[in-house]
Amino acid sequence: MMAAMMTSNYSCRLKTQRNFSIKKSESLTVGTAQKPRHTFLSHSKYLSQPKYLLAVSAFMTLLLTGCQSTPTNDLTGSTRYQTLTEPSNKRNVDKQEVARVRTSLAAQYIRKNELDTAQRQLEKAFAADSRYAPAYDMMGVLLQQEGSRLNLEKADQYFKKAIALDKDFDQVRNNYGVYLSQMKRYSEAAEQFEIAGSALGYEGRIGALENLGRTYLQLNNNPAAAKAFLRALDGNRNSLIAHIELVDLLLEQQRVQQAQRLYDETLLLVQGQGISPRLLLQGIKLAAAQNDITTRQRLAQQLLSAYPLSNEAKKLKTWLNNPEAPWK
């Protein structure tokens, strides 16, 4: 179950969600200015004359001093370039833009599992802007995906750094929650998912609520899980995860009619995509609960034929050997 949750939105959607554009091409062009074209006299007969030597000497003096804050004229009197000593007021904005693009490129490389290249992009993002929170979040995702013990330990600090830099950065809350769930720190994960799931306007909010519900299932807190899934449905009636999980929760409470209505909605959501073994088993349970023998047998045959090695098929075989026993 948690393995499915690790597939994020960043959304990583893991339900790893994006808080920045990932639409840049892979060639970095930010901050690249076209070189001015200078035309120099190249014939020796002109350069040998004293008046040209004097002009060139003066021209080189201007280049070496580098202190002009006004246009410098070349030999023909037209403006060719400028040298400015005052810093641009856009400097910080430009540095953050470079960090943003580098982080976006890193996200693309992570999705392609090119982790070394992604790491180099993030190092350049840090060099451009050491306080850019999404870069730290993405480094946490990268280290988590690599998965070794040392990198998993390092990932925790990067997520925490991103939160410290920007407490309103909702994406890192969800991604950190996914990490904490992977580390089986479920109570801490629930706190992070709750923050992200309560952030109105955050595009990954529904995914965070789905993650919250599944985390409560790991904590054996079914009432809290059901509440989280219902919140996800309130935000997006097409939440497939919320539908599937709520069907099982309602069946456990023997609220069969409500479960059947949600199950029917679920089948509409997956129409044309094929039916999973879990949905087949849910249909079998619902049919058994309503003494619909025909539907139960049809779905059981479909499950055993299409997914004979699945966990759902094993559960079905166990139940068929003892129909009076509760489903496990």
C-alpha atoms as a PDB file:
ATOM      1  CA  MET A   1       0.000   0.000   0.000  1.00  0.00           C
ATOM      2  CA  MET A   2       2.727   2.420   0.918  1.00  0.00           C
ATOM      3  CA  ALA A   3       4.639   1.520  -2.201  1.00  0.00           C
ATOM      4  CA  ALA A   4       1.750   2.971  -4.199  1.00  0.00           C
ATOM      5  CA  MET A   5       1.901   6.099  -2.121  1.00  0.00           C
ATOM      6  CA  MET A   6       5.564   6.565  -2.944  1.00  0.00           C
ATOM      7  CA  THR A   7       4.825   6.914  -6.643  1.00  0.00           C
ATOM      8  CA  SER A   8       4.325  11.324  -6.062  1.00  0.00           C
ATOM      9  CA  ASN A   9       2.375  14.349  -8.158  1.00  0.00           C
ATOM     10  CA  TYR A  10       6.743  15.943  -7.683  1.00  0.00           C
ATOM     11  CA  SER A  11       2.779  14.488  -6.771  1.00  0.00           C
ATOM     12  CA  CYS A  12       7.703  11.526  -6.728  1.00  0.00           C
ATOM     13  CA  ARG A  13       3.459  12.586  -7.312  1.00  0.00           C
ATOM     14  CA  LEU A  14       5.430  10.234  -5.338  1.00  0.00           C
ATOM     15  CA  LYS A  15       2.357  12.164  -4.956  1.00  0.00           C
ATOM     16  CA  THR A  16       5.133  14.627  -5.320  1.00  0.00           C
ATOM     17  CA  GLN A  17       3.789  17.928  -6.478  1.00  0.00           C
ATOM     18  CA  ARG A  18       5.395  20.731  -8.396  1.00  0.00           C
ATOM     19  CA  ASN A  19       5.699  24.254  -7.129  1.00  0.00           C
ATOM     20  CA  PHE A  20       7.677  25.482 -10.117  1.00  0.00           C
ATOM     21  CA  SER A  21       7.613  25.218 -13.906  1.00  0.00           C
ATOM     22  CA  ILE A  22       9.212  22.176 -15.506  1.00  0.00           C
ATOM     23  CA  LYS A  23       8.729  23.401 -19.048  1.00  0.00           C
ATOM     24  CA  LYS A  24      12.288  24.600 -19.761  1.00  0.00           C
ATOM     25  CA  SER A  25      14.331  22.844 -22.398  1.00  0.00           C
ATOM     26  CA  GLU A  26      17.400  21.009 -21.252  1.00  0.00           C
ATOM     27  CA  SER A  27      19.782  23.616 -22.667  1.00  0.00           C
ATOM     28  CA  LEU A  28      20.304  26.370 -20.119  1.00  0.00           C
ATOM     29  CA  THR A  29      20.044  29.807 -21.691  1.00  0.00           C
ATOM     30  CA  VAL A  30      19.234  31.981 -18.695  1.00  0.00           C
ATOM     31  CA  GLY A  31      21.518  34.948 -18.357  1.00  0.00           C
ATOM     32  CA  THR A  32      23.192  34.452 -21.729  1.00  0.00           C
ATOM     33  CA  ALA A  33      23.691  37.721 -23.558  1.00  0.00           C
ATOM     34  CA  GLN A  34      24.707  38.090 -27.178  1.00  0.00           C
ATOM     35  CA  LYS A  35      28.291  39.230 -27.560  1.00  0.00           C
ATOM     36  CA  PRO A  36      28.638  42.713 -29.079  1.00  0.00           C
ATOM     37  CA  ARG A  37      30.425  42.725 -32.397  1.00  0.00           C
ATOM     38  CA  HIS A  38      33.430  45.071 -32.459  1.00  0.00           C
ATOM     39  CA  THR A  39      35.033  46.092 -35.753  1.00  0.00           C
ATOM     40  CA  PHE A  40      38.749  46.791 -35.469  1.00  0.00           C
ATOM     41  CA  LEU A  41      41.042  48.243 -38.133  1.00  0.00           C
ATOM     42  CA  SER A  42      43.293  45.413 -39.233  1.00  0.00           C
ATOM     43  CA  HIS A  43      45.482  46.847 -42.001  1.00  0.00           C
ATOM     44  CA  SER A  44      49.052  47.549 -40.893  1.00  0.00           C
ATOM     45  CA  LYS A  45      49.319  50.720 -42.929  1.00  0.00           C
ATOM     46  CA  TYR A  46      46.679  52.357 -40.739  1.00  0.00           C
ATOM     47  CA  LEU A  47      47.997  51.004 -37.431  1.00  0.00           C
ATOM     48  CA  SER A  48      51.491  52.244 -38.222  1.00  0.00           C
ATOM     49  CA  GLN A  49      50.396  55.867 -38.353  1.00  0.00           C
ATOM     50  CA  PRO A  50      50.987  57.909 -35.142  1.00  0.00           C
ATOM     51  CA  LYS A  51      47.426  59.260 -34.903  1.00  0.00           C
ATOM     52  CA  TYR A  52      45.996  55.725 -34.973  1.00  0.00           C
ATOM     53  CA  LEU A  53      48.540  54.486 -32.436  1.00  0.00           C
ATOM     54  CA  LEU A  54      47.465  57.303 -30.124  1.00  0.00           C
ATOM     55  CA  ALA A  55      43.807  56.481 -30.610  1.00  0.00           C
ATOM     56  CA  VAL A  56      44.369  52.782 -29.974  1.00  0.00           C
ATOM     57  CA  SER A  57      46.404  53.578 -26.861  1.00  0.00           C
ATOM     58  CA  ALA A  58      43.598  55.708 -25.491  1.00  0.00           C
ATOM     59  CA  PHE A  59      41.061  53.036 -26.411  1.00  0.00           C
ATOM     60  CA  MET A  60      42.992  50.312 -24.552  1.00  0.00           C
ATOM     61  CA  THR A  61      43.314  52.566 -21.525  1.00  0.00           C
ATOM     62  CA  LEU A  62      39.510  52.812 -21.351  1.00  0.00           C
ATOM     63  CA  LEU A  63      39.165  49.035 -21.596  1.00  0.00           C
ATOM     64  CA  LEU A  64      41.653  48.402 -18.810  1.00  0.00           C
ATOM     65  CA  THR A  65      40.245  50.916 -16.354  1.00  0.00           C
ATOM     66  CA  GLY A  66      36.701  49.478 -16.576  1.00  0.00           C
ATOM     67  CA  CYS A  67      35.244  52.388 -14.601  1.00  0.00           C
ATOM     68  CA  GLN A  68      32.830  53.871 -17.082  1.00  0.00           C
ATOM     69  CA  SER A  69      29.187  54.209 -16.097  1.00  0.00           C
ATOM     70  CA  THR A  70      28.293  55.921 -19.376  1.00  0.00           C
ATOM     71  CA  PRO A  71      28.488  54.689 -22.977  1.00  0.00           C
ATOM     72  CA  THR A  72      32.017  54.492 -24.392  1.00  0.00           C
ATOM     73  CA  ASN A  73      32.459  55.499 -28.005  1.00  0.00           C
ATOM     74  CA  ASP A  74      34.672  53.545 -30.348  1.00  0.00           C
ATOM     75  CA  LEU A  75      36.897  55.005 -33.074  1.00  0.00           C
ATOM     76  CA  THR A  76      33.980  55.790 -35.358  1.00  0.00           C
ATOM     77  CA  GLY A  77      31.992  57.636 -32.697  1.00  0.00           C
ATOM     78  CA  SER A  78      29.119  55.118 -32.478  1.00  0.00           C
ATOM     79  CA  THR A  79      28.207  53.365 -29.229  1.00  0.00           C
ATOM     80  CA  ARG A  80      29.362  49.743 -29.217  1.00  0.00           C
ATOM     81  CA  TYR A  81      29.242  48.626 -25.576  1.00  0.00           C
ATOM     82  CA  GLN A  82      28.763  49.785 -21.992  1.00  0.00           C
ATOM     83  CA  THR A  83      30.704  49.076 -18.819  1.00  0.00           C
ATOM     84  CA  LEU A  84      28.756  49.458 -15.576  1.00  0.00           C
ATOM     85  CA  THR A  85      30.173  49.413 -12.069  1.00  0.00           C
ATOM     86  CA  GLU A  86      26.818  49.660 -10.242  1.00  0.00           C
ATOM     87  CA  PRO A  87      25.152  46.278  -9.544  1.00  0.00           C
ATOM     88  CA  SER A  88      21.852  45.624 -11.280  1.00  0.00           C
ATOM     89  CA  ASN A  89      18.773  45.726  -9.068  1.00  0.00           C
ATOM     90  CA  LYS A  90      17.690  42.502 -10.773  1.00  0.00           C
ATOM     91  CA  ARG A  91      20.685  40.560  -9.536  1.00  0.00           C
ATOM     92  CA  ASN A  92      18.848  38.585  -6.831  1.00  0.00           C
ATOM     93  CA  VAL A  93      15.918  37.906  -9.129  1.00  0.00           C
ATOM     94  CA  ASP A  94      18.253  36.592 -11.825  1.00  0.00           C
ATOM     95  CA  LYS A  95      20.083  34.328  -9.356  1.00  0.00           C
ATOM     96  CA  GLN A  96      16.798  32.865  -8.157  1.00  0.00           C
ATOM     97  CA  GLU A  97      15.713  32.291 -11.759  1.00  0.00           C
ATOM     98  CA  VAL A  98      18.910  30.361 -12.438  1.00  0.00           C
ATOM     99  CA  ALA A  99      18.266  28.282  -9.301  1.00  0.00           C
ATOM    100  CA  ARG A 100      14.685  27.674 -10.408  1.00  0.00           C
ATOM    101  CA  VAL A 101      15.705  26.479 -13.878  1.00  0.00           C
ATOM    102  CA  ARG A 102      18.483  24.265 -12.497  1.00  0.00           C
ATOM    103  CA  THR A 103      16.009  22.712 -10.045  1.00  0.00           C
ATOM    104  CA  SER A 104      13.498  22.150 -12.844  1.00  0.00           C
ATOM    105  CA  LEU A 105      16.152  20.394 -14.916  1.00  0.00           C
ATOM    106  CA  ALA A 106      17.065  18.262 -11.908  1.00  0.00           C
ATOM    107  CA  ALA A 107      13.432  17.189 -11.576  1.00  0.00           C
ATOM    108  CA  GLN A 108      13.445  16.070 -15.213  1.00  0.00           C
ATOM    109  CA  TYR A 109      16.611  14.037 -14.689  1.00  0.00           C
ATOM    110  CA  ILE A 110      15.198  12.448 -11.525  1.00  0.00           C
ATOM    111  CA  ARG A 111      12.135  11.304 -13.449  1.00  0.00           C
ATOM    112  CA  LYS A 112      14.491   9.659 -15.963  1.00  0.00           C
ATOM    113  CA  ASN A 113      16.541   8.195 -13.077  1.00  0.00           C
ATOM    114  CA  GLU A 114      19.648  10.114 -14.193  1.00  0.00           C
ATOM    115  CA  LEU A 115      20.518  10.873 -10.587  1.00  0.00           C
ATOM    116  CA  ASP A 116      24.147  11.939 -11.026  1.00  0.00           C
ATOM    117  CA  THR A 117      23.183  14.528 -13.622  1.00  0.00           C
ATOM    118  CA  ALA A 118      20.339  15.715 -11.407  1.00  0.00           C
ATOM    119  CA  GLN A 119      22.731  16.136  -8.494  1.00  0.00           C
ATOM    120  CA  ARG A 120      25.051  18.313 -10.582  1.00  0.00           C
ATOM    121  CA  GLN A 121      22.134  20.529 -11.587  1.00  0.00           C
ATOM    122  CA  LEU A 122      21.141  20.982  -7.951  1.00  0.00           C
ATOM    123  CA  GLU A 123      24.682  21.893  -6.937  1.00  0.00           C
ATOM    124  CA  LYS A 124      24.540  24.653  -9.536  1.00  0.00           C
ATOM    125  CA  ALA A 125      21.173  25.746  -8.132  1.00  0.00           C
ATOM    126  CA  PHE A 126      22.717  26.033  -4.658  1.00  0.00           C
ATOM    127  CA  ALA A 127      25.644  27.991  -6.097  1.00  0.00           C
ATOM    128  CA  ALA A 128      23.245  30.441  -7.724  1.00  0.00           C
ATOM    129  CA  ASP A 129      20.976  30.880  -4.703  1.00  0.00           C
ATOM    130  CA  SER A 130      21.832  29.105  -1.469  1.00  0.00           C
ATOM    131  CA  ARG A 131      18.429  30.005   0.024  1.00  0.00           C
ATOM    132  CA  TYR A 132      16.222  28.580  -2.724  1.00  0.00           C
ATOM    133  CA  ALA A 133      13.959  26.158  -0.830  1.00  0.00           C
ATOM    134  CA  PRO A 134      12.758  24.040  -3.810  1.00  0.00           C
ATOM    135  CA  ALA A 135      16.359  23.028  -4.547  1.00  0.00           C
ATOM    136  CA  TYR A 136      16.719  21.549  -1.062  1.00  0.00           C
ATOM    137  CA  ASP A 137      13.364  19.796  -1.409  1.00  0.00           C
ATOM    138  CA  MET A 138      14.446  18.315  -4.745  1.00  0.00           C
ATOM    139  CA  MET A 139      17.762  17.159  -3.300  1.00  0.00           C
ATOM    140  CA  GLY A 140      15.829  15.362  -0.594  1.00  0.00           C
ATOM    141  CA  VAL A 141      13.722  13.648  -3.259  1.00  0.00           C
ATOM    142  CA  LEU A 142      16.857  12.705  -5.209  1.00  0.00           C
ATOM    143  CA  LEU A 143      18.603  11.188  -2.195  1.00  0.00           C
ATOM    144  CA  GLN A 144      15.439   9.332  -1.228  1.00  0.00           C
ATOM    145  CA  GLN A 145      15.136   7.876  -4.709  1.00  0.00           C
ATOM    146  CA  GLU A 146      18.758   6.707  -4.683  1.00  0.00           C
ATOM    147  CA  GLY A 147      17.811   4.798  -1.560  1.00  0.00           C
ATOM    148  CA  SER A 148      21.079   3.861   0.116  1.00  0.00           C
ATOM    149  CA  ARG A 149      21.235   4.115   3.901  1.00  0.00           C
ATOM    150  CA  LEU A 150      23.600   7.077   3.899  1.00  0.00           C
ATOM    151  CA  ASN A 151      21.598   9.027   1.332  1.00  0.00           C
ATOM    152  CA  LEU A 152      18.317   8.316   3.105  1.00  0.00           C
ATOM    153  CA  GLU A 153      19.823   9.784   6.254  1.00  0.00           C
ATOM    154  CA  LYS A 154      21.014  12.862   4.350  1.00  0.00           C
ATOM    155  CA  ALA A 155      17.616  13.376   2.736  1.00  0.00           C
ATOM    156  CA  ASP A 156      16.019  14.176   6.090  1.00  0.00           C
ATOM    157  CA  GLN A 157      18.228  17.225   6.565  1.00  0.00           C
ATOM    158  CA  TYR A 158      17.514  18.586   3.093  1.00  0.00           C
ATOM    159  CA  PHE A 159      13.752  18.391   3.633  1.00  0.00           C
ATOM    160  CA  LYS A 160      14.116  20.120   6.989  1.00  0.00           C
ATOM    161  CA  LYS A 161      16.293  22.832   5.433  1.00  0.00           C
ATOM    162  CA  ALA A 162      13.665  23.518   2.759  1.00  0.00           C
ATOM    163  CA  ILE A 163      10.990  23.892   5.436  1.00  0.00           C
ATOM    164  CA  ALA A 164      13.211  26.198   7.502  1.00  0.00           C
ATOM    165  CA  LEU A 165      13.800  28.414   4.459  1.00  0.00           C
ATOM    166  CA  ASP A 166      10.121  28.571   3.467  1.00  0.00           C
ATOM    167  CA  LYS A 167       7.500  27.390   5.944  1.00  0.00           C
ATOM    168  CA  ASP A 168       4.736  28.112   3.396  1.00  0.00           C
ATOM    169  CA  PHE A 169       6.263  25.842   0.744  1.00  0.00           C
ATOM    170  CA  ASP A 170       3.525  23.199   0.631  1.00  0.00           C
ATOM    171  CA  GLN A 171       5.227  20.835  -1.794  1.00  0.00           C
ATOM    172  CA  VAL A 172       8.028  20.029   0.618  1.00  0.00           C
ATOM    173  CA  ARG A 173       5.484  19.143   3.300  1.00  0.00           C
ATOM    174  CA  ASN A 174       4.017  16.445   1.067  1.00  0.00           C
ATOM    175  CA  ASN A 175       7.400  15.189  -0.124  1.00  0.00           C
ATOM    176  CA  TYR A 176       8.778  15.081   3.414  1.00  0.00           C
ATOM    177  CA  GLY A 177       5.675  13.161   4.456  1.00  0.00           C
ATOM    178  CA  VAL A 178       6.319  10.570   1.747  1.00  0.00           C
ATOM    179  CA  TYR A 179       9.899  10.248   2.977  1.00  0.00           C
ATOM    180  CA  LEU A 180       8.808   9.863   6.599  1.00  0.00           C
ATOM    181  CA  SER A 181       6.294   7.204   5.587  1.00  0.00           C
ATOM    182  CA  GLN A 182       9.001   5.278   3.778  1.00  0.00           C
ATOM    183  CA  MET A 183      11.058   5.443   6.971  1.00  0.00           C
ATOM    184  CA  LYS A 184       7.983   4.163   8.884  1.00  0.00           C
ATOM    185  CA  ARG A 185       7.783   7.372  10.898  1.00  0.00           C
ATOM    186  CA  TYR A 186       4.052   7.466  10.341  1.00  0.00           C
ATOM    187  CA  SER A 187       3.012   9.897  13.075  1.00  0.00           C
ATOM    188  CA  GLU A 188       5.489  12.494  11.796  1.00  0.00           C
ATOM    189  CA  ALA A 189       4.368  11.834   8.229  1.00  0.00           C
ATOM    190  CA  ALA A 190       0.737  12.454   9.163  1.00  0.00           C
ATOM    191  CA  GLU A 191       1.668  15.878  10.547  1.00  0.00           C
ATOM    192  CA  GLN A 192       3.295  16.884   7.274  1.00  0.00           C
ATOM    193  CA  PHE A 193       0.441  15.552   5.132  1.00  0.00           C
ATOM    194  CA  GLU A 194      -2.077  17.388   7.317  1.00  0.00           C
ATOM    195  CA  ILE A 195      -0.289  20.700   6.708  1.00  0.00           C
ATOM    196  CA  ALA A 196      -0.147  20.133   2.943  1.00  0.00           C
ATOM    197  CA  GLY A 197      -3.714  18.830   2.834  1.00  0.00           C
ATOM    198  CA  SER A 198      -5.023  21.921   4.602  1.00  0.00           C
ATOM    199  CA  ALA A 199      -3.294  24.382   2.270  1.00  0.00           C
ATOM    200  CA  LEU A 200      -6.126  25.715   0.127  1.00  0.00           C
ATOM    201  CA  GLY A 201      -4.883  26.638  -3.332  1.00  0.00           C
ATOM    202  CA  TYR A 202      -2.032  24.115  -3.271  1.00  0.00           C
ATOM    203  CA  GLU A 203      -2.368  22.074  -6.465  1.00  0.00           C
ATOM    204  CA  GLY A 204      -1.174  18.910  -4.728  1.00  0.00           C
ATOM    205  CA  ARG A 205      -3.610  19.201  -1.824  1.00  0.00           C
ATOM    206  CA  ILE A 206      -5.815  16.251  -2.831  1.00  0.00           C
ATOM    207  CA  GLY A 207      -2.798  13.978  -3.207  1.00  0.00           C
ATOM    208  CA  ALA A 208      -1.624  15.032   0.249  1.00  0.00           C
ATOM    209  CA  LEU A 209      -5.026  14.113   1.700  1.00  0.00           C
ATOM    210  CA  GLU A 210      -4.879  10.723  -0.025  1.00  0.00           C
ATOM    211  CA  ASN A 211      -1.433  10.213   1.479  1.00  0.00           C
ATOM    212  CA  LEU A 212      -2.778  11.310   4.866  1.00  0.00           C
ATOM    213  CA  GLY A 213      -5.539   8.696   4.723  1.00  0.00           C
ATOM    214  CA  ARG A 214      -3.148   5.916   3.808  1.00  0.00           C
ATOM    215  CA  THR A 215      -0.794   6.956   6.592  1.00  0.00           C
ATOM    216  CA  TYR A 216      -3.618   6.698   9.124  1.00  0.00           C
ATOM    217  CA  LEU A 217      -4.313   3.203   7.809  1.00  0.00           C
ATOM    218  CA  GLN A 218      -0.731   2.320   8.687  1.00  0.00           C
ATOM    219  CA  LEU A 219      -1.396   3.697  12.167  1.00  0.00           C
ATOM    220  CA  ASN A 220      -4.535   1.523  12.397  1.00  0.00           C
ATOM    221  CA  ASN A 221      -6.625   4.652  12.830  1.00  0.00           C
ATOM    222  CA  ASN A 222      -9.465   3.843  10.448  1.00  0.00           C
ATOM    223  CA  PRO A 223     -11.803   6.682  11.539  1.00  0.00           C
ATOM    224  CA  ALA A 224      -9.101   9.274  10.862  1.00  0.00           C
ATOM    225  CA  ALA A 225      -8.277   7.573   7.558  1.00  0.00           C
ATOM    226  CA  ALA A 226     -11.915   7.670   6.460  1.00  0.00           C
ATOM    227  CA  LYS A 227     -12.124  11.350   7.360  1.00  0.00           C
ATOM    228  CA  ALA A 228      -9.042  12.137   5.261  1.00  0.00           C
ATOM    229  CA  PHE A 229     -10.399  10.220   2.249  1.00  0.00           C
ATOM    230  CA  LEU A 230     -13.753  11.995   2.539  1.00  0.00           C
ATOM    231  CA  ARG A 231     -11.916  15.328   2.550  1.00  0.00           C
ATOM    232  CA  ALA A 232     -10.125  14.220  -0.620  1.00  0.00           C
ATOM    233  CA  LEU A 233     -13.474  13.399  -2.243  1.00  0.00           C
ATOM    234  CA  ASP A 234     -14.875  16.762  -1.193  1.00  0.00           C
ATOM    235  CA  GLY A 235     -11.979  18.406  -3.019  1.00  0.00           C
ATOM    236  CA  ASN A 236     -12.070  16.120  -6.045  1.00  0.00           C
ATOM    237  CA  ARG A 237     -14.908  13.679  -6.596  1.00  0.00           C
ATOM    238  CA  ASN A 238     -12.738  11.823  -9.108  1.00  0.00           C
ATOM    239  CA  SER A 239     -10.127  10.795  -6.535  1.00  0.00           C
ATOM    240  CA  LEU A 240      -9.630   7.139  -7.407  1.00  0.00           C
ATOM    241  CA  ILE A 241      -7.533   6.374  -4.334  1.00  0.00           C
ATOM    242  CA  ALA A 242     -10.165   7.809  -1.991  1.00  0.00           C
ATOM    243  CA  HIS A 243     -12.892   5.768  -3.688  1.00  0.00           C
ATOM    244  CA  ILE A 244     -11.010   2.469  -3.449  1.00  0.00           C
ATOM    245  CA  GLU A 245      -9.913   2.936   0.152  1.00  0.00           C
ATOM    246  CA  LEU A 246     -13.349   4.055   1.322  1.00  0.00           C
ATOM    247  CA  VAL A 247     -15.018   1.012  -0.238  1.00  0.00           C
ATOM    248  CA  ASP A 248     -12.893  -1.256   1.966  1.00  0.00           C
ATOM    249  CA  LEU A 249     -13.483   0.886   5.055  1.00  0.00           C
ATOM    250  CA  LEU A 250     -17.241   0.875   4.507  1.00  0.00           C
ATOM    251  CA  LEU A 251     -17.258  -2.887   3.969  1.00  0.00           C
ATOM    252  CA  GLU A 252     -15.426  -3.357   7.272  1.00  0.00           C
ATOM    253  CA  GLN A 253     -18.217  -1.351   8.922  1.00  0.00           C
ATOM    254  CA  GLN A 254     -20.803  -3.461   7.041  1.00  0.00           C
ATOM    255  CA  ARG A 255     -22.198  -0.349   5.375  1.00  0.00           C
ATOM    256  CA  VAL A 256     -22.801  -2.331   2.218  1.00  0.00           C
ATOM    257  CA  GLN A 257     -25.151  -0.007   0.339  1.00  0.00           C
ATOM    258  CA  GLN A 258     -22.821   2.988   0.721  1.00  0.00           C
ATOM    259  CA  ALA A 259     -19.885   0.835  -0.293  1.00  0.00           C
ATOM    260  CA  GLN A 260     -21.781  -0.373  -3.370  1.00  0.00           C
ATOM    261  CA  ARG A 261     -22.524   3.178  -4.499  1.00  0.00           C
ATOM    262  CA  LEU A 262     -18.874   4.170  -4.167  1.00  0.00           C
ATOM    263  CA  TYR A 263     -17.812   0.980  -5.942  1.00  0.00           C
ATOM    264  CA  ASP A 264     -20.102   1.753  -8.869  1.00  0.00           C
ATOM    265  CA  GLU A 265     -18.582   5.233  -9.093  1.00  0.00           C
ATOM    266  CA  THR A 266     -15.120   3.680  -9.035  1.00  0.00           C
ATOM    267  CA  LEU A 267     -15.929   1.434 -11.989  1.00  0.00           C
ATOM    268  CA  LEU A 268     -16.992   4.506 -13.948  1.00  0.00           C
ATOM    269  CA  LEU A 269     -13.692   6.228 -13.113  1.00  0.00           C
ATOM    270  CA  VAL A 270     -11.617   3.306 -14.427  1.00  0.00           C
ATOM    271  CA  GLN A 271     -13.805   2.614 -17.431  1.00  0.00           C
ATOM    272  CA  GLY A 272     -11.647   1.697 -20.398  1.00  0.00           C
ATOM    273  CA  GLN A 273      -8.536   1.212 -18.244  1.00  0.00           C
ATOM    274  CA  GLY A 274      -9.107  -2.364 -17.177  1.00  0.00           C
ATOM    275  CA  ILE A 275     -10.091  -3.544 -13.721  1.00  0.00           C
ATOM    276  CA  SER A 276      -7.447  -4.266 -11.095  1.00  0.00           C
ATOM    277  CA  PRO A 277      -7.349  -7.349  -8.870  1.00  0.00           C
ATOM    278  CA  ARG A 278      -8.205  -5.196  -5.887  1.00  0.00           C
ATOM    279  CA  LEU A 279     -11.359  -3.890  -7.538  1.00  0.00           C
ATOM    280  CA  LEU A 280     -12.327  -7.427  -8.551  1.00  0.00           C
ATOM    281  CA  LEU A 281     -11.951  -8.615  -4.972  1.00  0.00           C
ATOM    282  CA  GLN A 282     -14.021  -5.683  -3.717  1.00  0.00           C
ATOM    283  CA  GLY A 283     -16.751  -6.601  -6.187  1.00  0.00           C
ATOM    284  CA  ILE A 284     -16.666 -10.200  -4.939  1.00  0.00           C
ATOM    285  CA  LYS A 285     -17.002  -9.056  -1.334  1.00  0.00           C
ATOM    286  CA  LEU A 286     -19.940  -6.806  -2.190  1.00  0.00           C
ATOM    287  CA  ALA A 287     -21.673  -9.564  -4.144  1.00  0.00           C
ATOM    288  CA  ALA A 288     -21.161 -12.016  -1.285  1.00  0.00           C
ATOM    289  CA  ALA A 289     -22.527  -9.507   1.234  1.00  0.00           C
ATOM    290  CA  GLN A 290     -25.665  -9.101  -0.892  1.00  0.00           C
ATOM    291  CA  ASN A 291     -26.048 -12.818  -1.734  1.00  0.00           C
ATOM    292  CA  ASP A 292     -25.515 -12.083  -5.420  1.00  0.00           C
ATOM    293  CA  ILE A 293     -24.121 -15.507  -6.321  1.00  0.00           C
ATOM    294  CA  THR A 294     -24.014 -14.933 -10.083  1.00  0.00           C
ATOM    295  CA  THR A 295     -21.936 -11.761  -9.848  1.00  0.00           C
ATOM    296  CA  ARG A 296     -19.683 -13.268  -7.194  1.00  0.00           C
ATOM    297  CA  GLN A 297     -18.896 -16.317  -9.326  1.00  0.00           C
ATOM    298  CA  ARG A 298     -18.319 -14.248 -12.465  1.00  0.00           C
ATOM    299  CA  LEU A 299     -15.889 -11.892 -10.728  1.00  0.00           C
ATOM    300  CA  ALA A 300     -14.152 -14.741  -8.916  1.00  0.00           C
ATOM    301  CA  GLN A 301     -13.526 -16.528 -12.214  1.00  0.00           C
ATOM    302  CA  GLN A 302     -12.224 -13.298 -13.733  1.00  0.00           C
ATOM    303  CA  LEU A 303      -9.846 -12.700 -10.822  1.00  0.00           C
ATOM    304  CA  LEU A 304      -8.462 -16.245 -10.772  1.00  0.00           C
ATOM    305  CA  SER A 305      -8.057 -16.279 -14.544  1.00  0.00           C
ATOM    306  CA  ALA A 306      -6.486 -12.843 -15.052  1.00  0.00           C
ATOM    307  CA  TYR A 307      -4.458 -12.535 -11.826  1.00  0.00           C
ATOM    308  CA  PRO A 308      -3.831 -16.063 -10.500  1.00  0.00           C
ATOM    309  CA  LEU A 309      -0.668 -15.122  -8.586  1.00  0.00           C
ATOM    310  CA  SER A 310      -1.979 -11.924  -7.002  1.00  0.00           C
ATOM    311  CA  ASN A 311      -2.492 -11.483  -3.273  1.00  0.00           C
ATOM    312  CA  GLU A 312      -6.180 -10.908  -4.005  1.00  0.00           C
ATOM    313  CA  ALA A 313      -6.417 -14.320  -5.688  1.00  0.00           C
ATOM    314  CA  LYS A 314      -4.784 -15.937  -2.656  1.00  0.00           C
ATOM    315  CA  LYS A 315      -7.279 -14.224  -0.339  1.00  0.00           C
ATOM    316  CA  LEU A 316     -10.147 -15.385  -2.518  1.00  0.00           C
ATOM    317  CA  LYS A 317      -8.950 -19.018  -2.466  1.00  0.00           C
ATOM    318  CA  THR A 318      -8.643 -18.898   1.314  1.00  0.00           C
ATOM    319  CA  TRP A 319     -12.162 -17.518   1.637  1.00  0.00           C
ATOM    320  CA  LEU A 320     -13.626 -20.057  -0.817  1.00  0.00           C
ATOM    321  CA  ASN A 321     -12.208 -22.850   1.356  1.00  0.00           C
ATOM    322  CA  ASN A 322     -14.001 -21.344   4.359  1.00  0.00           C
ATOM    323  CA  PRO A 323     -16.803 -18.961   3.298  1.00  0.00           C
ATOM    324  CA  GLU A 324     -17.886 -18.468   6.901  1.00  0.00           C
ATOM    325  CA  ALA A 325     -14.540 -16.991   7.871  1.00  0.00           C
ATOM    326  CA  PRO A 326     -14.092 -13.206   7.750  1.00  0.00           C
ATOM    327  CA  TRP A 327     -12.093 -11.672   4.896  1.00  0.00           C
ATOM    328  CA  LYS A 328      -8.493 -10.924   5.736  1.00  0.00           C
END
